[in-house]
Amino acid sequence: MKKLLYIVFTFNFLFSLLTAILPLLVVEVTQSPATSGYVLTTFMLALLVSRIFLLKYEVDEYLLLKVGLFLYCTGFLILFIKSTSIIAFYIGAITLGMGVGVVAPILLTIITSRGDNPKKVIGFHNSFLGVASAVAPFLGVFLYYTYSERTFVYLVLLISSLSALAVSYLVKRNGKRKPLRANTLNKQAFSIQYLPSYVTFLLTSISYGAVIAFLPLYLEGLSLRIDIFYFFFWSFFILSQIFMLKLKEYISENLLLSISFLLISSSNLLLILSPGYFLLILSAMIFGFFYGGVMNLFYNRIAVVKETKAKSDAYAIFGLMSYMGVGVGSMLLSPVANYSLVYVFLFSAAFPFVAFGTNAIWDLYKRRHALVETNKEFSSGS
């Protein structure tokens, strides 16, 4: 388990480090804020291809882990070789997207299959993810402003990613090796109980996409630091892994989700109210806690699934909603970014609000359906 958690930490550390400074690196080459969004859109499309492959074929998860990490390393290698070309960013986005698309759900599947307490294991996974994501932007910003020779930055990323790939060969197999075979999608992963979760998390992740693609540029113009935002965002993301399930003991899950969507929407608006650290940190705390909390609630719905393929498919689809939201948000808001970065966050606040409405409609449907079923049982009993 320690080796797997090292991979979780390193994998997410490098991803967070790169995303913290990627918009700045892209604009440095192209002088266009919108290009940052287009690069992330390319990343999302590559990720989508890899997720479709995972859903269509059943492949040994330990082999997939190694292949995904190899693609991850290749992305950093491409940027190391040609960091001054925007073409390299697009090609790197493709290989990184395919790597992330494979590694993220496979890590969850392997980790949750090794413990007797899936909720505890998911908490460990998300906490390691959160710690890595909280501290990585500090190193990213330090490297960006300290070393004008960008190849050094990519060399650090490449060497670190190679260490994760090396450790993956030391992870002991749990069970027999699975052969490659075509596979139909597990219907349980598309059951009605999961579909609203997929849709609402996709909508919420669009706001996170706006943060990744455009907040570093927005804060650069205000002489504020993106690593400060990410530190508080991910610190409170970690806290949500501890306290969100405790809050669920006192507040119904649906009400907790509704509150979360509204506060995430509000956190986007805080970014544009006042150009100072107080509201920036407050926004990061609210966004991080409730975004991480929503993820934790949805992941725990999937963790109780016993069948491995159904669980793997559900994680793949749910994770896809997160990354697709980042890509869709980047693509939709790129034209707005060239006009005004302030309007980017004004528009992004609307998507969690739509998620709130979707969740409310779904809750109303469930209540009415339960009432109908109760009346049927009452009538049958009479």
Protein backbone atom coordinates (compact mmCIF):
# COMPACT_ATOMS: atom_id res chain seq x y z
CA MET A 1 0.00 0.00 0.00
CA LYS A 2 2.89 2.39 0.74
CA LYS A 3 4.19 2.05 -2.82
CA LEU A 4 0.73 2.78 -4.22
CA LEU A 5 0.35 5.83 -1.99
CA TYR A 6 3.77 7.06 -3.17
CA ILE A 7 2.52 6.82 -6.74
CA VAL A 8 -0.70 8.63 -5.77
CA PHE A 9 1.31 11.42 -4.15
CA THR A 10 3.89 11.80 -6.93
CA PHE A 11 1.35 11.50 -9.73
CA ASN A 12 -0.87 14.24 -8.27
CA PHE A 13 2.08 16.36 -7.08
CA LEU A 14 3.43 16.64 -10.61
CA PHE A 15 0.02 17.24 -12.13
CA SER A 16 -0.74 20.04 -9.64
CA LEU A 17 2.69 21.61 -10.05
CA LEU A 18 2.29 21.75 -13.82
CA THR A 19 -1.30 23.01 -13.82
CA ALA A 20 -0.40 25.80 -11.38
CA ILE A 21 2.03 27.35 -13.85
CA LEU A 22 0.86 25.90 -17.18
CA PRO A 23 -1.28 28.95 -18.14
CA LEU A 24 1.70 31.21 -17.46
CA LEU A 25 4.00 28.99 -19.53
CA VAL A 26 1.55 28.85 -22.44
CA VAL A 27 0.93 32.61 -22.48
CA GLU A 28 4.69 33.14 -22.32
CA VAL A 29 4.89 31.34 -25.69
CA THR A 30 1.67 32.55 -27.38
CA GLN A 31 0.75 35.85 -25.63
CA SER A 32 -2.90 34.69 -25.72
CA PRO A 33 -4.90 33.79 -22.54
CA ALA A 34 -7.36 31.75 -24.61
CA THR A 35 -4.61 29.35 -25.72
CA SER A 36 -4.33 28.06 -22.16
CA GLY A 37 -7.94 26.92 -22.41
CA TYR A 38 -7.38 25.27 -25.78
CA VAL A 39 -4.38 23.31 -24.46
CA LEU A 40 -6.50 22.02 -21.57
CA THR A 41 -9.27 21.13 -24.04
CA THR A 42 -6.75 19.02 -25.97
CA PHE A 43 -5.81 17.35 -22.70
CA MET A 44 -9.49 16.57 -22.04
CA LEU A 45 -10.05 15.04 -25.48
CA ALA A 46 -7.02 12.76 -25.04
CA LEU A 47 -8.29 11.75 -21.62
CA LEU A 48 -11.69 11.00 -23.10
CA VAL A 49 -10.12 8.60 -25.62
CA SER A 50 -8.25 6.70 -22.90
CA ARG A 51 -11.39 6.47 -20.72
CA ILE A 52 -13.42 5.09 -23.64
CA PHE A 53 -10.72 2.45 -24.08
CA LEU A 54 -10.97 1.53 -20.40
CA LEU A 55 -14.72 1.18 -20.67
CA LYS A 56 -14.59 -0.86 -23.89
CA TYR A 57 -11.78 -3.26 -22.92
CA GLU A 58 -10.90 -5.13 -19.78
CA VAL A 59 -7.15 -4.95 -19.25
CA ASP A 60 -4.98 -6.05 -16.37
CA GLU A 61 -4.94 -3.06 -14.02
CA TYR A 62 -1.29 -3.51 -13.00
CA LEU A 63 -0.22 -3.41 -16.65
CA LEU A 64 -2.41 -0.35 -17.24
CA LEU A 65 -0.79 1.42 -14.29
CA LYS A 66 2.64 1.03 -15.88
CA VAL A 67 1.42 2.05 -19.36
CA GLY A 68 -0.36 5.12 -17.99
CA LEU A 69 2.70 6.26 -16.03
CA PHE A 70 4.86 5.71 -19.13
CA LEU A 71 2.58 8.03 -21.13
CA TYR A 72 2.75 10.50 -18.24
CA CYS A 73 6.56 10.49 -18.40
CA THR A 74 6.44 10.89 -22.18
CA GLY A 75 4.41 14.09 -21.83
CA PHE A 76 7.05 15.66 -19.59
CA LEU A 77 9.81 14.41 -21.92
CA ILE A 78 8.20 16.19 -24.88
CA LEU A 79 8.02 19.46 -22.97
CA PHE A 80 11.61 19.02 -21.83
CA ILE A 81 12.81 18.57 -25.41
CA LYS A 82 10.88 21.50 -26.97
CA SER A 83 9.45 23.81 -24.31
CA THR A 84 9.42 26.90 -26.55
CA SER A 85 7.00 25.48 -29.11
CA ILE A 86 3.22 25.62 -28.67
CA ILE A 87 3.04 22.42 -30.74
CA ALA A 88 4.98 20.67 -27.96
CA PHE A 89 2.34 21.82 -25.47
CA TYR A 90 -0.44 20.32 -27.56
CA ILE A 91 1.42 17.02 -28.10
CA GLY A 92 2.37 16.94 -24.42
CA ALA A 93 -1.27 17.57 -23.50
CA ILE A 94 -2.27 14.51 -25.54
CA THR A 95 0.18 12.12 -23.87
CA LEU A 96 -0.41 13.58 -20.40
CA GLY A 97 -4.17 13.39 -20.93
CA MET A 98 -4.00 9.74 -21.96
CA GLY A 99 -1.74 8.98 -18.98
CA VAL A 100 -4.02 10.70 -16.48
CA GLY A 101 -7.06 9.07 -18.07
CA VAL A 102 -5.59 5.64 -17.39
CA VAL A 103 -3.76 6.10 -14.08
CA ALA A 104 -6.32 7.99 -11.99
CA PRO A 105 -9.17 5.40 -12.02
CA ILE A 106 -6.80 2.41 -12.02
CA LEU A 107 -5.10 3.65 -8.85
CA LEU A 108 -8.49 3.89 -7.13
CA THR A 109 -9.50 0.43 -8.31
CA ILE A 110 -6.26 -1.19 -7.12
CA ILE A 111 -6.25 0.61 -3.78
CA THR A 112 -9.89 -0.06 -2.88
CA SER A 113 -9.52 -3.74 -3.82
CA ARG A 114 -6.74 -4.17 -1.25
CA GLY A 115 -8.51 -3.04 1.90
CA ASP A 116 -11.43 -4.24 3.99
CA ASN A 117 -12.59 -0.68 4.65
CA PRO A 118 -13.12 1.13 1.29
CA LYS A 119 -14.18 4.40 2.94
CA LYS A 120 -10.97 4.56 4.97
CA VAL A 121 -8.84 3.73 1.92
CA ILE A 122 -10.59 6.40 -0.16
CA GLY A 123 -9.91 8.88 2.63
CA PHE A 124 -6.20 7.98 2.49
CA HIS A 125 -6.18 8.31 -1.31
CA ASN A 126 -7.92 11.68 -1.33
CA SER A 127 -5.78 12.97 1.54
CA PHE A 128 -2.53 12.07 -0.25
CA LEU A 129 -3.97 13.68 -3.37
CA GLY A 130 -4.85 16.78 -1.35
CA VAL A 131 -1.47 17.11 0.38
CA ALA A 132 0.37 16.71 -2.93
CA SER A 133 -1.86 19.25 -4.61
CA ALA A 134 -1.52 21.73 -1.72
CA VAL A 135 2.28 21.88 -1.62
CA ALA A 136 3.10 21.34 -5.31
CA PRO A 137 2.09 24.85 -6.51
CA PHE A 138 4.65 26.42 -4.13
CA LEU A 139 7.42 24.52 -5.85
CA GLY A 140 5.90 25.28 -9.26
CA VAL A 141 5.78 29.02 -8.63
CA PHE A 142 9.30 28.93 -7.15
CA LEU A 143 10.68 27.15 -10.21
CA TYR A 144 8.79 29.45 -12.59
CA TYR A 145 10.08 32.70 -11.10
CA THR A 146 13.54 31.43 -10.17
CA TYR A 147 14.64 29.63 -13.32
CA SER A 148 14.14 31.45 -16.60
CA GLU A 149 15.55 28.37 -18.37
CA ARG A 150 12.32 26.39 -18.61
CA THR A 151 14.02 23.13 -19.57
CA PHE A 152 15.19 22.83 -15.94
CA VAL A 153 11.58 22.95 -14.77
CA TYR A 154 10.60 20.15 -17.13
CA LEU A 155 13.68 18.14 -16.14
CA VAL A 156 12.49 18.15 -12.52
CA LEU A 157 9.04 16.96 -13.64
CA LEU A 158 10.51 14.27 -15.88
CA ILE A 159 12.82 12.79 -13.23
CA SER A 160 10.04 12.74 -10.63
CA SER A 161 7.60 11.06 -13.01
CA LEU A 162 10.22 8.42 -13.85
CA SER A 163 10.51 7.62 -10.12
CA ALA A 164 6.75 6.89 -9.98
CA LEU A 165 7.05 4.65 -13.04
CA ALA A 166 9.95 2.77 -11.40
CA VAL A 167 7.99 2.23 -8.18
CA SER A 168 5.04 0.83 -10.16
CA TYR A 169 7.24 -2.15 -11.09
CA LEU A 170 7.67 -2.88 -7.36
CA VAL A 171 3.93 -3.04 -6.61
CA LYS A 172 3.01 -6.66 -5.92
CA ARG A 173 0.16 -8.10 -7.93
CA ASN A 174 -3.02 -8.92 -6.02
CA GLY A 175 -4.45 -11.90 -7.86
CA LYS A 176 -3.84 -13.42 -11.29
CA ARG A 177 -2.99 -11.41 -14.40
CA LYS A 178 -6.01 -10.58 -16.54
CA PRO A 179 -5.88 -11.06 -20.33
CA LEU A 180 -6.92 -8.31 -22.73
CA ARG A 181 -10.51 -8.80 -23.85
CA ALA A 182 -13.34 -6.76 -25.24
CA ASN A 183 -15.94 -5.90 -22.68
CA THR A 184 -19.38 -4.40 -22.72
CA LEU A 185 -19.97 -1.55 -20.32
CA ASN A 186 -21.21 -2.67 -16.95
CA LYS A 187 -24.82 -1.59 -16.70
CA GLN A 188 -24.52 -0.97 -12.98
CA ALA A 189 -22.09 1.90 -13.68
CA PHE A 190 -24.88 3.61 -15.65
CA SER A 191 -27.67 2.95 -13.18
CA ILE A 192 -30.06 5.78 -12.39
CA GLN A 193 -28.52 6.18 -8.93
CA TYR A 194 -25.20 7.31 -10.48
CA LEU A 195 -26.31 9.43 -13.46
CA PRO A 196 -27.29 12.55 -11.45
CA SER A 197 -23.93 12.32 -9.64
CA TYR A 198 -22.07 12.29 -12.95
CA VAL A 199 -24.00 15.28 -14.32
CA THR A 200 -23.80 17.47 -11.22
CA PHE A 201 -20.10 16.80 -10.71
CA LEU A 202 -19.43 17.60 -14.37
CA LEU A 203 -21.18 20.95 -13.97
CA THR A 204 -19.28 21.71 -10.76
CA SER A 205 -15.96 20.76 -12.32
CA ILE A 206 -16.43 23.36 -15.04
CA SER A 207 -15.82 25.97 -12.36
CA TYR A 208 -12.66 24.15 -11.32
CA GLY A 209 -11.62 24.19 -14.98
CA ALA A 210 -11.91 27.97 -14.98
CA VAL A 211 -9.61 28.11 -11.96
CA ILE A 212 -6.97 25.85 -13.53
CA ALA A 213 -6.96 27.55 -16.93
CA PHE A 214 -7.37 31.21 -16.04
CA LEU A 215 -6.88 31.99 -12.33
CA PRO A 216 -3.04 32.03 -12.57
CA LEU A 217 -3.31 34.63 -15.34
CA TYR A 218 -5.93 36.64 -13.44
CA LEU A 219 -3.85 36.71 -10.25
CA GLU A 220 -0.67 37.52 -12.18
CA GLY A 221 -2.35 40.72 -13.33
CA LEU A 222 -3.24 41.57 -9.72
CA SER A 223 0.25 40.74 -8.37
CA LEU A 224 -1.23 37.91 -6.28
CA ARG A 225 0.17 34.38 -6.01
CA ILE A 226 -1.63 31.32 -7.34
CA ASP A 227 0.21 29.00 -4.91
CA ILE A 228 -1.52 30.72 -1.98
CA PHE A 229 -4.91 29.92 -3.48
CA TYR A 230 -3.99 26.29 -4.17
CA PHE A 231 -2.52 25.79 -0.69
CA PHE A 232 -5.78 26.76 1.03
CA PHE A 233 -7.90 25.05 -1.63
CA TRP A 234 -6.20 21.70 -1.16
CA SER A 235 -5.78 22.05 2.60
CA PHE A 236 -9.52 22.40 2.97
CA PHE A 237 -10.00 19.68 0.37
CA ILE A 238 -8.13 17.39 2.81
CA LEU A 239 -10.25 18.55 5.75
CA SER A 240 -13.38 17.72 3.79
CA GLN A 241 -12.27 14.06 3.61
CA ILE A 242 -12.47 13.97 7.40
CA PHE A 243 -15.47 16.14 8.16
CA MET A 244 -17.85 15.74 5.20
CA LEU A 245 -18.96 12.26 6.22
CA LYS A 246 -19.32 13.49 9.80
CA LEU A 247 -21.57 16.31 8.59
CA LYS A 248 -23.62 13.67 6.78
CA GLU A 249 -24.49 12.19 10.17
CA TYR A 250 -26.38 15.39 11.03
CA ILE A 251 -27.47 16.65 7.61
CA SER A 252 -29.07 14.58 4.87
CA GLU A 253 -26.78 13.84 1.94
CA ASN A 254 -29.02 15.63 -0.56
CA LEU A 255 -29.21 18.80 1.55
CA LEU A 256 -25.46 18.66 2.08
CA LEU A 257 -24.92 18.42 -1.69
CA SER A 258 -27.28 21.35 -2.34
CA ILE A 259 -25.45 23.55 0.19
CA SER A 260 -22.12 22.52 -1.34
CA PHE A 261 -23.15 23.48 -4.88
CA LEU A 262 -24.39 26.90 -3.78
CA LEU A 263 -21.24 27.66 -1.79
CA ILE A 264 -18.99 26.55 -4.66
CA SER A 265 -20.88 28.96 -6.90
CA SER A 266 -20.43 31.74 -4.32
CA SER A 267 -16.69 31.03 -4.05
CA ASN A 268 -16.30 31.84 -7.75
CA LEU A 269 -17.95 35.21 -7.22
CA LEU A 270 -15.62 35.99 -4.31
CA LEU A 271 -12.69 35.89 -6.72
CA ILE A 272 -13.90 39.01 -8.51
CA LEU A 273 -15.30 41.06 -5.61
CA SER A 274 -12.03 42.45 -4.33
CA PRO A 275 -8.43 42.06 -5.59
CA GLY A 276 -6.88 41.04 -2.25
CA TYR A 277 -5.66 38.00 -0.35
CA PHE A 278 -8.50 37.90 2.21
CA LEU A 279 -11.26 37.07 -0.27
CA LEU A 280 -8.87 34.97 -2.35
CA ILE A 281 -8.12 32.75 0.66
CA LEU A 282 -11.78 32.66 1.71
CA SER A 283 -12.76 31.60 -1.80
CA ALA A 284 -10.07 28.88 -1.80
CA MET A 285 -11.23 27.54 1.58
CA ILE A 286 -14.88 27.34 0.56
CA PHE A 287 -14.21 25.95 -2.91
CA GLY A 288 -11.69 23.36 -1.67
CA PHE A 289 -13.78 22.08 1.23
CA PHE A 290 -17.04 21.66 -0.64
CA TYR A 291 -15.55 20.49 -3.95
CA GLY A 292 -13.58 17.84 -2.06
CA GLY A 293 -16.65 17.02 0.01
CA VAL A 294 -18.82 16.46 -3.04
CA MET A 295 -16.12 14.20 -4.51
CA ASN A 296 -15.91 12.23 -1.27
CA LEU A 297 -19.67 11.70 -1.08
CA PHE A 298 -19.85 10.50 -4.68
CA TYR A 299 -16.79 8.24 -4.38
CA ASN A 300 -18.28 6.56 -1.33
CA ARG A 301 -21.41 5.78 -3.31
CA ILE A 302 -19.20 3.84 -5.73
CA ALA A 303 -16.96 2.23 -3.08
CA VAL A 304 -19.76 -0.04 -1.82
CA VAL A 305 -20.02 -1.74 -5.23
CA LYS A 306 -18.69 -5.29 -4.89
CA GLU A 307 -18.12 -6.23 -8.54
CA THR A 308 -14.67 -5.02 -9.62
CA LYS A 309 -15.54 -4.17 -13.23
CA ALA A 310 -18.64 -2.20 -12.21
CA LYS A 311 -16.55 -0.29 -9.67
CA SER A 312 -13.78 0.36 -12.19
CA ASP A 313 -16.27 1.59 -14.81
CA ALA A 314 -18.01 3.86 -12.31
CA TYR A 315 -14.70 5.36 -11.15
CA ALA A 316 -13.62 5.83 -14.77
CA ILE A 317 -16.86 7.62 -15.69
CA PHE A 318 -16.94 9.72 -12.53
CA GLY A 319 -13.28 10.71 -12.89
CA LEU A 320 -14.01 11.51 -16.51
CA MET A 321 -16.68 13.99 -15.41
CA SER A 322 -14.07 15.83 -13.35
CA TYR A 323 -11.51 16.11 -16.12
CA MET A 324 -14.14 16.68 -18.80
CA GLY A 325 -15.48 19.55 -16.72
CA VAL A 326 -12.00 21.06 -16.71
CA GLY A 327 -11.77 20.71 -20.49
CA VAL A 328 -15.30 21.91 -21.23
CA GLY A 329 -14.89 24.88 -18.90
CA SER A 330 -11.60 25.81 -20.53
CA MET A 331 -13.06 25.52 -24.03
CA LEU A 332 -16.29 27.41 -23.31
CA LEU A 333 -14.61 30.19 -21.38
CA SER A 334 -11.55 30.70 -23.61
CA PRO A 335 -13.26 33.31 -25.85
CA VAL A 336 -14.42 35.11 -22.69
CA ALA A 337 -10.84 35.09 -21.35
CA ASN A 338 -9.56 37.06 -24.32
CA TYR A 339 -12.23 39.67 -23.59
CA SER A 340 -12.06 39.81 -19.78
CA LEU A 341 -10.72 37.41 -17.13
CA VAL A 342 -13.19 38.89 -14.63
CA TYR A 343 -16.14 37.68 -16.72
CA VAL A 344 -14.64 34.18 -16.80
CA PHE A 345 -15.34 33.70 -13.09
CA LEU A 346 -18.70 35.42 -13.32
CA PHE A 347 -19.82 32.89 -15.92
CA SER A 348 -18.18 29.93 -14.17
CA ALA A 349 -20.25 30.61 -11.05
CA ALA A 350 -23.40 29.71 -13.01
CA PHE A 351 -22.46 26.05 -13.51
CA PRO A 352 -22.52 24.91 -9.85
CA PHE A 353 -25.82 26.78 -9.54
CA VAL A 354 -27.21 24.65 -12.39
CA ALA A 355 -25.86 21.59 -10.53
CA PHE A 356 -27.85 22.75 -7.49
CA GLY A 357 -31.02 22.89 -9.62
CA THR A 358 -30.32 19.48 -11.13
CA ASN A 359 -29.79 17.98 -7.69
CA ALA A 360 -33.02 19.54 -6.40
CA ILE A 361 -35.02 18.14 -9.33
CA TRP A 362 -33.51 14.69 -8.81
CA ASP A 363 -34.38 14.78 -5.10
CA LEU A 364 -37.96 15.77 -5.94
CA TYR A 365 -38.18 12.87 -8.41
CA LYS A 366 -36.90 10.40 -5.81
CA ARG A 367 -39.40 11.61 -3.22
CA ARG A 368 -42.32 11.31 -5.63
CA HIS A 369 -41.16 7.89 -6.82
CA ALA A 370 -40.84 6.69 -3.21
CA LEU A 371 -44.34 8.03 -2.44
CA VAL A 372 -45.80 6.21 -5.45
CA GLU A 373 -44.13 2.96 -4.42
CA THR A 374 -45.38 3.38 -0.86
CA ASN A 375 -48.93 3.92 -2.11
CA LYS A 376 -48.67 0.82 -4.30
CA GLU A 377 -47.53 -1.29 -1.34
CA PHE A 378 -50.32 0.15 0.78
CA SER A 379 -52.88 -0.63 -1.92
CA SER A 380 -51.53 -4.18 -2.35
CA GLY A 381 -51.65 -4.72 1.40
CA SER A 382 -55.25 -3.55 1.54
